[in-house]
């Protein structure tokens, strides 16, 4: 069964995925822009205070989008993720 066949079985699945990704990216860009503007406009002595919920959403979106783009471009996991680099094993 090809990708096109699967999309015709579940009508609009591809469009829904595209809209969802567009929404994630637009939200991330909006949050990032908000953070940059707030930091830029903050007085020198007082750093801006952000709600922890916004920071959590931005961090989660960064992880989801980063993982999605890594899969899209074909980045593979390392073979042996449990070993440490030789310079750290002393």
N, C-alpha and C. Protein backbone atom coordinates (compact mmCIF):
# COMPACT_ATOMS: atom_id res chain seq x y z
N UNK A 1 0.86 -1.17 0.00
CA UNK A 1 0.00 0.00 0.00
C UNK A 1 0.90 1.24 0.00
N UNK A 2 0.70 2.12 -0.90
CA UNK A 2 1.52 3.31 -1.02
C UNK A 2 0.98 4.43 -0.13
N UNK A 3 1.78 5.48 0.01
CA UNK A 3 1.38 6.64 0.80
C UNK A 3 0.09 7.26 0.27
N UNK A 4 -0.04 7.33 -1.04
CA UNK A 4 -1.23 7.90 -1.66
C UNK A 4 -2.46 7.06 -1.35
N UNK A 5 -2.31 5.73 -1.35
CA UNK A 5 -3.44 4.85 -1.02
C UNK A 5 -3.89 5.07 0.41
N UNK A 6 -2.94 5.20 1.32
CA UNK A 6 -3.29 5.41 2.73
C UNK A 6 -4.03 6.74 2.91
N UNK A 7 -3.59 7.77 2.21
CA UNK A 7 -4.26 9.07 2.33
C UNK A 7 -5.67 9.04 1.76
N UNK A 8 -5.90 8.23 0.73
CA UNK A 8 -7.25 8.17 0.17
C UNK A 8 -8.18 7.37 1.09
N UNK A 9 -7.63 6.44 1.87
CA UNK A 9 -8.46 5.68 2.81
C UNK A 9 -8.91 6.59 3.95
N UNK A 10 -7.98 7.35 4.51
CA UNK A 10 -8.31 8.30 5.56
C UNK A 10 -8.25 9.68 4.92
N UNK A 11 -9.39 10.15 4.47
CA UNK A 11 -9.44 11.40 3.71
C UNK A 11 -8.93 12.59 4.50
N UNK A 12 -7.96 13.29 3.93
CA UNK A 12 -7.45 14.51 4.52
C UNK A 12 -6.39 14.31 5.57
N UNK A 13 -5.87 13.11 5.75
CA UNK A 13 -4.86 12.86 6.78
C UNK A 13 -3.59 13.66 6.49
N UNK A 14 -3.18 13.70 5.27
CA UNK A 14 -1.97 14.45 4.91
C UNK A 14 -2.18 15.94 5.16
N UNK A 15 -3.33 16.46 4.78
CA UNK A 15 -3.62 17.88 5.00
C UNK A 15 -3.67 18.19 6.48
N UNK A 16 -4.25 17.31 7.27
CA UNK A 16 -4.32 17.51 8.71
C UNK A 16 -2.91 17.55 9.32
N UNK A 17 -2.03 16.64 8.89
CA UNK A 17 -0.65 16.64 9.38
C UNK A 17 0.05 17.94 9.01
N UNK A 18 -0.16 18.41 7.79
CA UNK A 18 0.48 19.64 7.34
C UNK A 18 -0.03 20.84 8.14
N UNK A 19 -1.32 20.90 8.38
CA UNK A 19 -1.88 22.00 9.17
C UNK A 19 -1.38 21.96 10.61
N UNK A 20 -1.27 20.77 11.17
CA UNK A 20 -0.77 20.62 12.53
C UNK A 20 0.68 21.09 12.63
N UNK A 21 1.51 20.69 11.67
CA UNK A 21 2.91 21.12 11.68
C UNK A 21 3.00 22.63 11.48
N UNK A 22 2.19 23.18 10.58
CA UNK A 22 2.19 24.63 10.38
C UNK A 22 1.80 25.34 11.67
N UNK A 23 0.81 24.81 12.38
CA UNK A 23 0.39 25.40 13.65
C UNK A 23 1.50 25.36 14.69
N UNK A 24 2.19 24.22 14.78
CA UNK A 24 3.31 24.09 15.73
C UNK A 24 4.40 25.11 15.40
N UNK A 25 4.76 25.20 14.13
CA UNK A 25 5.83 26.10 13.72
C UNK A 25 5.43 27.56 13.95
N UNK A 26 4.20 27.91 13.60
CA UNK A 26 3.73 29.29 13.79
C UNK A 26 3.70 29.65 15.28
N UNK A 27 3.26 28.72 16.12
CA UNK A 27 3.23 28.96 17.56
C UNK A 27 4.64 29.14 18.10
N UNK A 28 5.57 28.29 17.67
CA UNK A 28 6.95 28.39 18.13
C UNK A 28 7.56 29.73 17.70
N UNK A 29 7.34 30.13 16.46
CA UNK A 29 7.88 31.40 15.97
C UNK A 29 7.27 32.56 16.75
N UNK A 30 5.98 32.48 17.03
CA UNK A 30 5.32 33.52 17.81
C UNK A 30 5.89 33.63 19.21
N UNK A 31 6.07 32.50 19.88
CA UNK A 31 6.64 32.52 21.23
C UNK A 31 8.07 33.03 21.22
N UNK A 32 8.86 32.57 20.27
CA UNK A 32 10.25 33.00 20.17
C UNK A 32 10.32 34.51 19.95
N UNK A 33 9.47 35.02 19.07
CA UNK A 33 9.44 36.46 18.80
C UNK A 33 9.03 37.22 20.06
N UNK A 34 8.05 36.71 20.77
CA UNK A 34 7.60 37.36 22.02
C UNK A 34 8.75 37.42 23.03
N UNK A 35 9.47 36.32 23.19
CA UNK A 35 10.58 36.29 24.14
C UNK A 35 11.67 37.28 23.75
N UNK A 36 12.02 37.33 22.47
CA UNK A 36 13.08 38.22 22.00
C UNK A 36 12.67 39.68 22.21
N UNK A 37 11.43 40.03 21.89
CA UNK A 37 10.96 41.41 22.05
C UNK A 37 10.95 41.79 23.53
N UNK A 38 10.48 40.91 24.39
CA UNK A 38 10.46 41.20 25.82
C UNK A 38 11.87 41.38 26.38
N UNK A 39 12.79 40.55 25.96
CA UNK A 39 14.17 40.66 26.43
C UNK A 39 14.79 41.96 25.90
N UNK A 40 14.54 42.27 24.64
CA UNK A 40 15.10 43.47 24.02
C UNK A 40 14.59 44.74 24.71
N UNK A 41 13.32 44.76 25.08
CA UNK A 41 12.72 45.95 25.68
C UNK A 41 12.86 46.03 27.18
N UNK A 42 13.46 45.04 27.81
CA UNK A 42 13.60 45.04 29.27
C UNK A 42 14.64 46.07 29.70
N UNK A 43 14.40 46.72 30.83
CA UNK A 43 15.42 47.64 31.34
C UNK A 43 16.69 46.87 31.73
N UNK A 44 17.81 47.57 31.74
CA UNK A 44 19.09 46.91 31.99
C UNK A 44 19.15 46.19 33.34
N UNK A 45 18.61 46.77 34.36
CA UNK A 45 18.73 46.19 35.70
C UNK A 45 17.68 45.12 35.98
N UNK A 46 16.62 45.08 35.20
CA UNK A 46 15.53 44.15 35.48
C UNK A 46 15.29 43.20 34.30
N UNK A 47 15.74 41.97 34.41
CA UNK A 47 15.45 41.02 33.34
C UNK A 47 13.95 40.71 33.31
N UNK A 48 13.41 40.38 32.15
CA UNK A 48 11.97 40.09 32.07
C UNK A 48 11.63 38.80 32.81
N UNK A 49 10.41 38.76 33.30
CA UNK A 49 9.91 37.55 33.95
C UNK A 49 8.86 36.92 33.03
N UNK A 50 9.08 35.66 32.68
CA UNK A 50 8.16 34.94 31.81
C UNK A 50 7.40 33.92 32.61
N UNK A 51 6.17 33.66 32.19
CA UNK A 51 5.37 32.61 32.83
C UNK A 51 5.99 31.26 32.54
N UNK A 52 6.02 30.40 33.54
CA UNK A 52 6.63 29.09 33.35
C UNK A 52 5.86 28.25 32.33
N UNK A 53 4.57 28.49 32.20
CA UNK A 53 3.78 27.76 31.21
C UNK A 53 4.24 28.05 29.79
N UNK A 54 4.50 29.34 29.51
CA UNK A 54 4.99 29.71 28.18
C UNK A 54 6.36 29.11 27.90
N UNK A 55 7.22 29.11 28.90
CA UNK A 55 8.55 28.52 28.72
C UNK A 55 8.44 27.01 28.49
N UNK A 56 7.53 26.37 29.20
CA UNK A 56 7.33 24.93 29.02
C UNK A 56 6.80 24.59 27.63
N UNK A 57 5.85 25.38 27.16
CA UNK A 57 5.30 25.15 25.82
C UNK A 57 6.37 25.37 24.76
N UNK A 58 7.15 26.45 24.91
CA UNK A 58 8.21 26.73 23.94
C UNK A 58 9.27 25.62 23.95
N UNK A 59 9.64 25.14 25.13
CA UNK A 59 10.61 24.05 25.20
C UNK A 59 10.09 22.76 24.61
N UNK A 60 8.84 22.45 24.87
CA UNK A 60 8.23 21.25 24.30
C UNK A 60 8.15 21.34 22.79
N UNK A 61 7.72 22.48 22.29
CA UNK A 61 7.65 22.65 20.83
C UNK A 61 9.04 22.55 20.20
N UNK A 62 10.05 23.10 20.86
CA UNK A 62 11.41 23.01 20.33
C UNK A 62 11.84 21.54 20.22
N UNK A 63 11.53 20.74 21.23
CA UNK A 63 11.88 19.32 21.19
C UNK A 63 11.12 18.56 20.12
N UNK A 64 9.82 18.81 20.03
CA UNK A 64 8.99 18.11 19.03
C UNK A 64 9.41 18.50 17.62
N UNK A 65 9.57 19.80 17.38
CA UNK A 65 9.96 20.25 16.04
C UNK A 65 11.37 19.80 15.68
N UNK A 66 12.29 19.86 16.64
CA UNK A 66 13.65 19.40 16.37
C UNK A 66 13.69 17.93 16.04
N UNK A 67 12.95 17.12 16.80
CA UNK A 67 12.88 15.69 16.50
C UNK A 67 12.22 15.41 15.17
N UNK A 68 11.16 16.15 14.87
CA UNK A 68 10.47 15.96 13.59
C UNK A 68 11.34 16.31 12.41
N UNK A 69 12.08 17.40 12.51
CA UNK A 69 12.95 17.78 11.42
C UNK A 69 14.11 16.80 11.29
N UNK A 70 14.62 16.28 12.40
CA UNK A 70 15.70 15.30 12.33
C UNK A 70 15.23 14.04 11.60
N UNK A 71 14.03 13.59 11.90
CA UNK A 71 13.48 12.42 11.22
C UNK A 71 13.25 12.74 9.74
N UNK A 72 12.77 13.93 9.45
CA UNK A 72 12.48 14.31 8.06
C UNK A 72 13.73 14.34 7.20
N UNK A 73 14.87 14.74 7.77
CA UNK A 73 16.09 14.80 6.98
C UNK A 73 16.91 13.51 7.08
N UNK A 74 16.44 12.55 7.87
CA UNK A 74 17.07 11.24 7.91
C UNK A 74 18.20 11.07 8.90
N UNK A 75 18.20 11.80 10.00
CA UNK A 75 19.23 11.65 11.02
C UNK A 75 18.94 10.38 11.81
N UNK A 76 19.94 9.51 11.92
CA UNK A 76 19.78 8.26 12.66
C UNK A 76 20.34 8.39 14.07
N UNK A 77 19.79 7.57 14.99
CA UNK A 77 20.33 7.51 16.33
C UNK A 77 21.69 6.83 16.28
N UNK A 78 22.60 7.21 17.17
CA UNK A 78 23.88 6.50 17.23
C UNK A 78 23.66 5.02 17.59
N UNK A 79 24.55 4.16 17.13
CA UNK A 79 24.42 2.73 17.39
C UNK A 79 24.48 2.41 18.88
N UNK A 80 25.47 2.96 19.56
CA UNK A 80 25.68 2.62 20.97
C UNK A 80 25.55 3.89 21.79
N UNK A 81 24.38 4.12 22.35
CA UNK A 81 24.14 5.35 23.09
C UNK A 81 24.53 5.22 24.55
N UNK A 82 24.91 4.03 25.03
CA UNK A 82 25.24 3.86 26.43
C UNK A 82 26.71 4.09 26.73
N UNK A 83 27.57 4.08 25.74
CA UNK A 83 28.99 4.27 26.01
C UNK A 83 29.33 5.74 26.12
N UNK A 84 30.33 6.04 26.91
CA UNK A 84 30.78 7.42 27.10
C UNK A 84 31.96 7.67 26.19
N UNK A 85 32.21 8.92 25.83
CA UNK A 85 33.40 9.22 25.05
C UNK A 85 34.67 8.84 25.84
N UNK A 86 35.73 8.39 25.17
CA UNK A 86 36.94 7.95 25.87
C UNK A 86 37.51 9.00 26.81
N UNK A 87 37.42 10.27 26.46
CA UNK A 87 38.01 11.31 27.32
C UNK A 87 37.24 11.50 28.61
N UNK A 88 36.02 11.00 28.70
CA UNK A 88 35.23 11.13 29.92
C UNK A 88 35.28 9.89 30.82
N UNK A 89 35.81 8.79 30.34
CA UNK A 89 35.80 7.55 31.12
C UNK A 89 37.02 7.38 32.00
N UNK A 90 37.97 8.28 31.97
CA UNK A 90 39.16 8.35 32.81
C UNK A 90 39.78 7.08 33.13
